[in-house]
């Protein structure tokens, strides 16, 4: 069983359209729909409800100003006994 979580708008015709990934084409399936009404305008600004503080990505992305990060040598890995 797989779940798909999406936020969408029901058309003025009352039809909810759900586009499924290609692997579901020509497959029989059973679908369960759980509806939760969202406050008006919530879909217009998805970042508002993402849980991130406003401006977080603008401040953080590309924000490192220190010395370049270097990954040190990790050494040799341990040779383990084969299980099979």
PDB file of N, CA and C in Angstrom:
ATOM      1  N   UNK A   1       0.857  -1.173   0.000  1.00  0.00           N
ATOM      2  CA  UNK A   1       0.000   0.000   0.000  1.00  0.00           C
ATOM      3  C   UNK A   1       0.897   1.227   0.000  1.00  0.00           C
ATOM      4  N   UNK A   2       0.558   2.193  -0.817  1.00  0.00           N
ATOM      5  CA  UNK A   2       1.304   3.446  -0.904  1.00  0.00           C
ATOM      6  C   UNK A   2       0.345   4.586  -0.599  1.00  0.00           C
ATOM      7  N   UNK A   3       0.856   5.645  -0.034  1.00  0.00           N
ATOM      8  CA  UNK A   3       0.010   6.811   0.190  1.00  0.00           C
ATOM      9  C   UNK A   3       0.588   7.994  -0.576  1.00  0.00           C
ATOM     10  N   UNK A   4      -0.296   8.829  -1.061  1.00  0.00           N
ATOM     11  CA  UNK A   4       0.082  10.045  -1.774  1.00  0.00           C
ATOM     12  C   UNK A   4      -0.576  11.195  -1.037  1.00  0.00           C
ATOM     13  N   UNK A   5       0.219  12.139  -0.572  1.00  0.00           N
ATOM     14  CA  UNK A   5      -0.310  13.282   0.153  1.00  0.00           C
ATOM     15  C   UNK A   5      -0.227  14.490  -0.769  1.00  0.00           C
ATOM     16  N   UNK A   6      -1.337  15.141  -0.995  1.00  0.00           N
ATOM     17  CA  UNK A   6      -1.331  16.313  -1.849  1.00  0.00           C
ATOM     18  C   UNK A   6      -2.325  17.343  -1.347  1.00  0.00           C
ATOM     19  N   UNK A   7      -2.100  18.573  -1.741  1.00  0.00           N
ATOM     20  CA  UNK A   7      -3.045  19.653  -1.480  1.00  0.00           C
ATOM     21  C   UNK A   7      -3.498  20.163  -2.830  1.00  0.00           C
ATOM     22  N   UNK A   8      -4.799  20.228  -3.020  1.00  0.00           N
ATOM     23  CA  UNK A   8      -5.335  20.618  -4.313  1.00  0.00           C
ATOM     24  C   UNK A   8      -6.652  21.340  -4.130  1.00  0.00           C
ATOM     25  N   UNK A   9      -7.224  21.778  -5.204  1.00  0.00           N
ATOM     26  CA  UNK A   9      -8.501  22.494  -5.186  1.00  0.00           C
ATOM     27  C   UNK A   9      -9.538  21.697  -5.958  1.00  0.00           C
ATOM     28  N   UNK A  10     -10.723  21.589  -5.401  1.00  0.00           N
ATOM     29  CA  UNK A  10     -11.836  20.952  -6.096  1.00  0.00           C
ATOM     30  C   UNK A  10     -12.385  21.964  -7.085  1.00  0.00           C
ATOM     31  N   UNK A  11     -12.562  21.545  -8.333  1.00  0.00           N
ATOM     32  CA  UNK A  11     -13.061  22.440  -9.366  1.00  0.00           C
ATOM     33  C   UNK A  11     -14.495  22.883  -9.106  1.00  0.00           C
ATOM     34  N   UNK A  12     -14.928  23.907  -9.831  1.00  0.00           N
ATOM     35  CA  UNK A  12     -16.297  24.417  -9.670  1.00  0.00           C
ATOM     36  C   UNK A  12     -17.334  23.378 -10.066  1.00  0.00           C
ATOM     37  N   UNK A  13     -16.877  22.343 -10.796  1.00  0.00           N
ATOM     38  CA  UNK A  13     -17.786  21.251 -11.167  1.00  0.00           C
ATOM     39  C   UNK A  13     -17.886  20.195 -10.067  1.00  0.00           C
ATOM     40  N   UNK A  14     -17.149  20.402  -8.955  1.00  0.00           N
ATOM     41  CA  UNK A  14     -17.196  19.462  -7.839  1.00  0.00           C
ATOM     42  C   UNK A  14     -16.322  18.238  -8.027  1.00  0.00           C
ATOM     43  N   UNK A  15     -15.466  18.263  -9.035  1.00  0.00           N
ATOM     44  CA  UNK A  15     -14.626  17.106  -9.330  1.00  0.00           C
ATOM     45  C   UNK A  15     -13.231  17.318  -8.757  1.00  0.00           C
ATOM     46  N   UNK A  16     -12.755  16.328  -8.025  1.00  0.00           N
ATOM     47  CA  UNK A  16     -11.395  16.325  -7.509  1.00  0.00           C
ATOM     48  C   UNK A  16     -10.535  15.544  -8.496  1.00  0.00           C
ATOM     49  N   UNK A  17      -9.530  16.193  -9.048  1.00  0.00           N
ATOM     50  CA  UNK A  17      -8.651  15.537 -10.010  1.00  0.00           C
ATOM     51  C   UNK A  17      -7.327  15.197  -9.330  1.00  0.00           C
ATOM     52  N   UNK A  18      -6.962  13.928  -9.429  1.00  0.00           N
ATOM     53  CA  UNK A  18      -5.719  13.454  -8.831  1.00  0.00           C
ATOM     54  C   UNK A  18      -4.903  12.803  -9.940  1.00  0.00           C
ATOM     55  N   UNK A  19      -3.736  13.355 -10.217  1.00  0.00           N
ATOM     56  CA  UNK A  19      -2.866  12.784 -11.236  1.00  0.00           C
ATOM     57  C   UNK A  19      -1.899  11.831 -10.544  1.00  0.00           C
ATOM     58  N   UNK A  20      -1.883  10.597 -11.006  1.00  0.00           N
ATOM     59  CA  UNK A  20      -1.053   9.565 -10.393  1.00  0.00           C
ATOM     60  C   UNK A  20       0.223   9.364 -11.202  1.00  0.00           C
ATOM     61  N   UNK A  21       1.271   8.856 -10.546  1.00  0.00           N
ATOM     62  CA  UNK A  21       2.521   8.570 -11.252  1.00  0.00           C
ATOM     63  C   UNK A  21       2.311   7.531 -12.351  1.00  0.00           C
ATOM     64  N   UNK A  22       3.189   7.509 -13.355  1.00  0.00           N
ATOM     65  CA  UNK A  22       3.019   6.599 -14.506  1.00  0.00           C
ATOM     66  C   UNK A  22       2.928   5.123 -14.139  1.00  0.00           C
ATOM     67  N   UNK A  23       3.546   4.693 -13.053  1.00  0.00           N
ATOM     68  CA  UNK A  23       3.517   3.267 -12.722  1.00  0.00           C
ATOM     69  C   UNK A  23       2.112   2.770 -12.377  1.00  0.00           C
ATOM     70  N   UNK A  24       1.160   3.668 -12.180  1.00  0.00           N
ATOM     71  CA  UNK A  24      -0.218   3.275 -11.886  1.00  0.00           C
ATOM     72  C   UNK A  24      -1.077   3.177 -13.140  1.00  0.00           C
ATOM     73  N   UNK A  25      -0.524   3.507 -14.291  1.00  0.00           N
ATOM     74  CA  UNK A  25      -1.316   3.462 -15.521  1.00  0.00           C
ATOM     75  C   UNK A  25      -1.795   2.040 -15.788  1.00  0.00           C
ATOM     76  N   UNK A  26      -3.044   1.937 -16.153  1.00  0.00           N
ATOM     77  CA  UNK A  26      -3.701   0.676 -16.500  1.00  0.00           C
ATOM     78  C   UNK A  26      -3.611  -0.369 -15.386  1.00  0.00           C
ATOM     79  N   UNK A  27      -3.634   0.097 -14.142  1.00  0.00           N
ATOM     80  CA  UNK A  27      -3.628  -0.786 -12.982  1.00  0.00           C
ATOM     81  C   UNK A  27      -4.965  -0.663 -12.266  1.00  0.00           C
ATOM     82  N   UNK A  28      -5.419  -1.750 -11.682  1.00  0.00           N
ATOM     83  CA  UNK A  28      -6.600  -1.694 -10.833  1.00  0.00           C
ATOM     84  C   UNK A  28      -6.131  -1.350  -9.431  1.00  0.00           C
ATOM     85  N   UNK A  29      -6.846  -0.457  -8.775  1.00  0.00           N
ATOM     86  CA  UNK A  29      -6.466  -0.098  -7.417  1.00  0.00           C
ATOM     87  C   UNK A  29      -7.685   0.319  -6.631  1.00  0.00           C
ATOM     88  N   UNK A  30      -7.537   0.276  -5.339  1.00  0.00           N
ATOM     89  CA  UNK A  30      -8.554   0.768  -4.420  1.00  0.00           C
ATOM     90  C   UNK A  30      -7.995   2.034  -3.799  1.00  0.00           C
ATOM     91  N   UNK A  31      -8.787   3.088  -3.777  1.00  0.00           N
ATOM     92  CA  UNK A  31      -8.325   4.367  -3.234  1.00  0.00           C
ATOM     93  C   UNK A  31      -9.187   4.755  -2.043  1.00  0.00           C
ATOM     94  N   UNK A  32      -8.537   5.306  -1.038  1.00  0.00           N
ATOM     95  CA  UNK A  32      -9.227   5.840   0.129  1.00  0.00           C
ATOM     96  C   UNK A  32      -8.962   7.334   0.140  1.00  0.00           C
ATOM     97  N   UNK A  33     -10.002   8.126   0.213  1.00  0.00           N
ATOM     98  CA  UNK A  33      -9.852   9.581   0.192  1.00  0.00           C
ATOM     99  C   UNK A  33     -10.244  10.124   1.561  1.00  0.00           C
ATOM    100  N   UNK A  34      -9.328  10.860   2.170  1.00  0.00           N
ATOM    101  CA  UNK A  34      -9.595  11.519   3.444  1.00  0.00           C
ATOM    102  C   UNK A  34      -9.533  13.014   3.177  1.00  0.00           C
ATOM    103  N   UNK A  35     -10.597  13.719   3.485  1.00  0.00           N
ATOM    104  CA  UNK A  35     -10.663  15.145   3.190  1.00  0.00           C
ATOM    105  C   UNK A  35     -10.453  15.974   4.443  1.00  0.00           C
ATOM    106  N   UNK A  36      -9.688  17.041   4.301  1.00  0.00           N
ATOM    107  CA  UNK A  36      -9.490  18.012   5.373  1.00  0.00           C
ATOM    108  C   UNK A  36      -9.567  19.397   4.738  1.00  0.00           C
ATOM    109  N   UNK A  37     -10.525  20.191   5.197  1.00  0.00           N
ATOM    110  CA  UNK A  37     -10.664  21.534   4.649  1.00  0.00           C
ATOM    111  C   UNK A  37      -9.500  22.400   5.106  1.00  0.00           C
ATOM    112  N   UNK A  38      -8.932  23.157   4.175  1.00  0.00           N
ATOM    113  CA  UNK A  38      -7.825  24.060   4.469  1.00  0.00           C
ATOM    114  C   UNK A  38      -8.345  25.481   4.576  1.00  0.00           C
ATOM    115  N   UNK A  39      -7.689  26.319   5.355  1.00  0.00           N
ATOM    116  CA  UNK A  39      -8.082  27.731   5.389  1.00  0.00           C
ATOM    117  C   UNK A  39      -7.943  28.351   4.002  1.00  0.00           C
ATOM    118  N   UNK A  40      -8.801  29.290   3.685  1.00  0.00           N
ATOM    119  CA  UNK A  40      -8.757  29.958   2.380  1.00  0.00           C
ATOM    120  C   UNK A  40      -7.382  30.561   2.145  1.00  0.00           C
ATOM    121  N   UNK A  41      -6.859  30.384   0.940  1.00  0.00           N
ATOM    122  CA  UNK A  41      -5.591  30.990   0.563  1.00  0.00           C
ATOM    123  C   UNK A  41      -4.365  30.194   0.960  1.00  0.00           C
ATOM    124  N   UNK A  42      -4.537  29.065   1.636  1.00  0.00           N
ATOM    125  CA  UNK A  42      -3.370  28.296   2.073  1.00  0.00           C
ATOM    126  C   UNK A  42      -2.598  27.725   0.892  1.00  0.00           C
ATOM    127  N   UNK A  43      -3.288  27.339  -0.171  1.00  0.00           N
ATOM    128  CA  UNK A  43      -2.607  26.810  -1.339  1.00  0.00           C
ATOM    129  C   UNK A  43      -1.846  27.893  -2.097  1.00  0.00           C
ATOM    130  N   UNK A  44      -2.258  29.142  -1.945  1.00  0.00           N
ATOM    131  CA  UNK A  44      -1.601  30.233  -2.657  1.00  0.00           C
ATOM    132  C   UNK A  44      -0.181  30.444  -2.154  1.00  0.00           C
ATOM    133  N   UNK A  45       0.095  30.116  -0.902  1.00  0.00           N
ATOM    134  CA  UNK A  45       1.419  30.316  -0.328  1.00  0.00           C
ATOM    135  C   UNK A  45       1.844  29.055   0.425  1.00  0.00           C
ATOM    136  N   UNK A  46       2.330  28.006  -0.294  1.00  0.00           N
ATOM    137  CA  UNK A  46       2.681  26.765   0.378  1.00  0.00           C
ATOM    138  C   UNK A  46       3.838  26.909   1.358  1.00  0.00           C
ATOM    139  N   UNK A  47       4.750  27.863   1.166  1.00  0.00           N
ATOM    140  CA  UNK A  47       5.857  28.034   2.104  1.00  0.00           C
ATOM    141  C   UNK A  47       5.368  28.535   3.456  1.00  0.00           C
ATOM    142  N   UNK A  48       4.232  29.207   3.438  1.00  0.00           N
ATOM    143  CA  UNK A  48       3.667  29.732   4.679  1.00  0.00           C
ATOM    144  C   UNK A  48       3.338  28.600   5.650  1.00  0.00           C
ATOM    145  N   UNK A  49       2.974  27.435   5.120  1.00  0.00           N
ATOM    146  CA  UNK A  49       2.563  26.321   5.959  1.00  0.00           C
ATOM    147  C   UNK A  49       3.608  25.219   6.017  1.00  0.00           C
ATOM    148  N   UNK A  50       4.812  25.467   5.514  1.00  0.00           N
ATOM    149  CA  UNK A  50       5.814  24.414   5.447  1.00  0.00           C
ATOM    150  C   UNK A  50       6.498  24.153   6.780  1.00  0.00           C
ATOM    151  N   UNK A  51       6.338  25.022   7.753  1.00  0.00           N
ATOM    152  CA  UNK A  51       6.986  24.843   9.034  1.00  0.00           C
ATOM    153  C   UNK A  51       8.326  25.552   9.135  1.00  0.00           C
ATOM    154  N   UNK A  52       8.802  26.136   8.038  1.00  0.00           N
ATOM    155  CA  UNK A  52      10.063  26.870   8.053  1.00  0.00           C
ATOM    156  C   UNK A  52       9.780  28.336   8.339  1.00  0.00           C
ATOM    157  N   UNK A  53      10.670  28.968   9.069  1.00  0.00           N
ATOM    158  CA  UNK A  53      10.505  30.384   9.364  1.00  0.00           C
ATOM    159  C   UNK A  53      10.618  31.195   8.078  1.00  0.00           C
ATOM    160  N   UNK A  54       9.874  32.284   7.966  1.00  0.00           N
ATOM    161  CA  UNK A  54       9.996  33.138   6.779  1.00  0.00           C
ATOM    162  C   UNK A  54      11.439  33.621   6.617  1.00  0.00           C
ATOM    163  N   UNK A  55      11.954  33.541   5.391  1.00  0.00           N
ATOM    164  CA  UNK A  55      13.310  33.995   5.097  1.00  0.00           C
ATOM    165  C   UNK A  55      14.392  32.992   5.432  1.00  0.00           C
ATOM    166  N   UNK A  56      14.014  31.795   5.932  1.00  0.00           N
ATOM    167  CA  UNK A  56      15.015  30.809   6.349  1.00  0.00           C
ATOM    168  C   UNK A  56      15.959  30.443   5.208  1.00  0.00           C
ATOM    169  N   UNK A  57      15.397  30.107   4.056  1.00  0.00           N
ATOM    170  CA  UNK A  57      16.227  29.653   2.945  1.00  0.00           C
ATOM    171  C   UNK A  57      17.063  30.780   2.360  1.00  0.00           C
ATOM    172  N   UNK A  58      16.542  31.983   2.352  1.00  0.00           N
ATOM    173  CA  UNK A  58      17.318  33.115   1.848  1.00  0.00           C
ATOM    174  C   UNK A  58      18.530  33.384   2.738  1.00  0.00           C
ATOM    175  N   UNK A  59      18.403  33.135   4.029  1.00  0.00           N
ATOM    176  CA  UNK A  59      19.505  33.375   4.959  1.00  0.00           C
ATOM    177  C   UNK A  59      20.505  32.227   4.974  1.00  0.00           C
ATOM    178  N   UNK A  60      20.048  31.002   4.771  1.00  0.00           N
ATOM    179  CA  UNK A  60      20.898  29.837   4.967  1.00  0.00           C
ATOM    180  C   UNK A  60      21.575  29.363   3.680  1.00  0.00           C
ATOM    181  N   UNK A  61      20.839  29.275   2.593  1.00  0.00           N
ATOM    182  CA  UNK A  61      21.394  28.715   1.363  1.00  0.00           C
ATOM    183  C   UNK A  61      22.546  29.584   0.877  1.00  0.00           C
ATOM    184  N   UNK A  62      23.702  28.984   0.727  1.00  0.00           N
ATOM    185  CA  UNK A  62      24.881  29.714   0.287  1.00  0.00           C
ATOM    186  C   UNK A  62      25.435  30.635   1.347  1.00  0.00           C
ATOM    187  N   UNK A  63      25.063  30.419   2.601  1.00  0.00           N
ATOM    188  CA  UNK A  63      25.437  31.344   3.660  1.00  0.00           C
ATOM    189  C   UNK A  63      26.775  31.076   4.326  1.00  0.00           C
ATOM    190  N   UNK A  64      27.470  29.985   3.989  1.00  0.00           N
ATOM    191  CA  UNK A  64      28.745  29.679   4.640  1.00  0.00           C
ATOM    192  C   UNK A  64      29.799  30.675   4.179  1.00  0.00           C
ATOM    193  N   UNK A  65      30.421  31.367   5.129  1.00  0.00           N
ATOM    194  CA  UNK A  65      31.430  32.372   4.787  1.00  0.00           C
ATOM    195  C   UNK A  65      32.785  32.058   5.423  1.00  0.00           C
ATOM    196  N   UNK A  66      32.909  30.903   6.054  1.00  0.00           N
ATOM    197  CA  UNK A  66      34.173  30.531   6.694  1.00  0.00           C
ATOM    198  C   UNK A  66      35.134  29.893   5.709  1.00  0.00           C
ATOM    199  N   UNK A  67      36.135  29.208   6.259  1.00  0.00           N
ATOM    200  CA  UNK A  67      37.110  28.503   5.436  1.00  0.00           C
ATOM    201  C   UNK A  67      36.400  27.425   4.626  1.00  0.00           C
ATOM    202  N   UNK A  68      36.950  27.086   3.446  1.00  0.00           N
ATOM    203  CA  UNK A  68      36.327  26.010   2.659  1.00  0.00           C
ATOM    204  C   UNK A  68      36.302  24.711   3.451  1.00  0.00           C
ATOM    205  N   UNK A  69      35.221  23.992   3.328  1.00  0.00           N
ATOM    206  CA  UNK A  69      35.102  22.716   4.030  1.00  0.00           C
ATOM    207  C   UNK A  69      35.901  21.656   3.291  1.00  0.00           C
ATOM    208  N   UNK A  70      36.647  20.857   4.049  1.00  0.00           N
ATOM    209  CA  UNK A  70      37.482  19.817   3.468  1.00  0.00           C
ATOM    210  C   UNK A  70      37.154  18.510   4.168  1.00  0.00           C
ATOM    211  N   UNK A  71      36.925  17.476   3.390  1.00  0.00           N
ATOM    212  CA  UNK A  71      36.696  16.154   3.981  1.00  0.00           C
ATOM    213  C   UNK A  71      38.045  15.481   4.124  1.00  0.00           C
ATOM    214  N   UNK A  72      38.399  15.181   5.348  1.00  0.00           N
ATOM    215  CA  UNK A  72      39.674  14.546   5.633  1.00  0.00           C
ATOM    216  C   UNK A  72      39.659  13.099   5.147  1.00  0.00           C
ATOM    217  N   UNK A  73      40.848  12.512   4.975  1.00  0.00           N
ATOM    218  CA  UNK A  73      40.976  11.131   4.571  1.00  0.00           C
ATOM    219  C   UNK A  73      40.266  10.243   5.594  1.00  0.00           C
ATOM    220  N   UNK A  74      39.428   9.317   5.107  1.00  0.00           N
ATOM    221  CA  UNK A  74      38.650   8.459   5.989  1.00  0.00           C
ATOM    222  C   UNK A  74      39.400   7.200   6.391  1.00  0.00           C
ATOM    223  N   UNK A  75      40.590   6.996   5.841  1.00  0.00           N
ATOM    224  CA  UNK A  75      41.362   5.810   6.175  1.00  0.00           C
ATOM    225  C   UNK A  75      40.837   4.581   5.459  1.00  0.00           C
ATOM    226  N   UNK A  76      41.414   3.435   5.771  1.00  0.00           N
ATOM    227  CA  UNK A  76      40.978   2.180   5.154  1.00  0.00           C
ATOM    228  C   UNK A  76      39.795   1.624   5.928  1.00  0.00           C
ATOM    229  N   UNK A  77      38.868   1.034   5.192  1.00  0.00           N
ATOM    230  CA  UNK A  77      37.712   0.458   5.876  1.00  0.00           C
ATOM    231  C   UNK A  77      38.037  -0.959   6.335  1.00  0.00           C
ATOM    232  N   UNK A  78      37.320  -1.372   7.330  1.00  0.00           N
ATOM    233  CA  UNK A  78      37.522  -2.679   7.942  1.00  0.00           C
ATOM    234  C   UNK A  78      37.063  -3.776   6.990  1.00  0.00           C
ATOM    235  N   UNK A  79      37.882  -4.791   6.800  1.00  0.00           N
ATOM    236  CA  UNK A  79      37.493  -5.942   5.977  1.00  0.00           C
ATOM    237  C   UNK A  79      36.752  -6.908   6.890  1.00  0.00           C
ATOM    238  N   UNK A  80      35.520  -7.232   6.508  1.00  0.00           N
ATOM    239  CA  UNK A  80      34.695  -8.093   7.348  1.00  0.00           C
ATOM    240  C   UNK A  80      34.562  -9.489   6.739  1.00  0.00           C
ATOM    241  N   UNK A  81      34.230 -10.435   7.600  1.00  0.00           N
ATOM    242  CA  UNK A  81      34.012 -11.809   7.162  1.00  0.00           C
ATOM    243  C   UNK A  81      32.728 -11.873   6.350  1.00  0.00           C
ATOM    244  N   UNK A  82      32.754 -12.630   5.261  1.00  0.00           N
ATOM    245  CA  UNK A  82      31.549 -12.808   4.445  1.00  0.00           C
ATOM    246  C   UNK A  82      30.490 -13.573   5.229  1.00  0.00           C
ATOM    247  N   UNK A  83      29.233 -13.177   5.104  1.00  0.00           N
ATOM    248  CA  UNK A  83      28.153 -13.831   5.817  1.00  0.00           C
ATOM    249  C   UNK A  83      27.687 -15.104   5.103  1.00  0.00           C
ATOM    250  N   UNK A  84      27.795 -15.116   3.783  1.00  0.00           N
ATOM    251  CA  UNK A  84      27.292 -16.269   3.029  1.00  0.00           C
ATOM    252  C   UNK A  84      28.369 -16.844   2.158  1.00  0.00           C
TER     253      UNK A  84
END
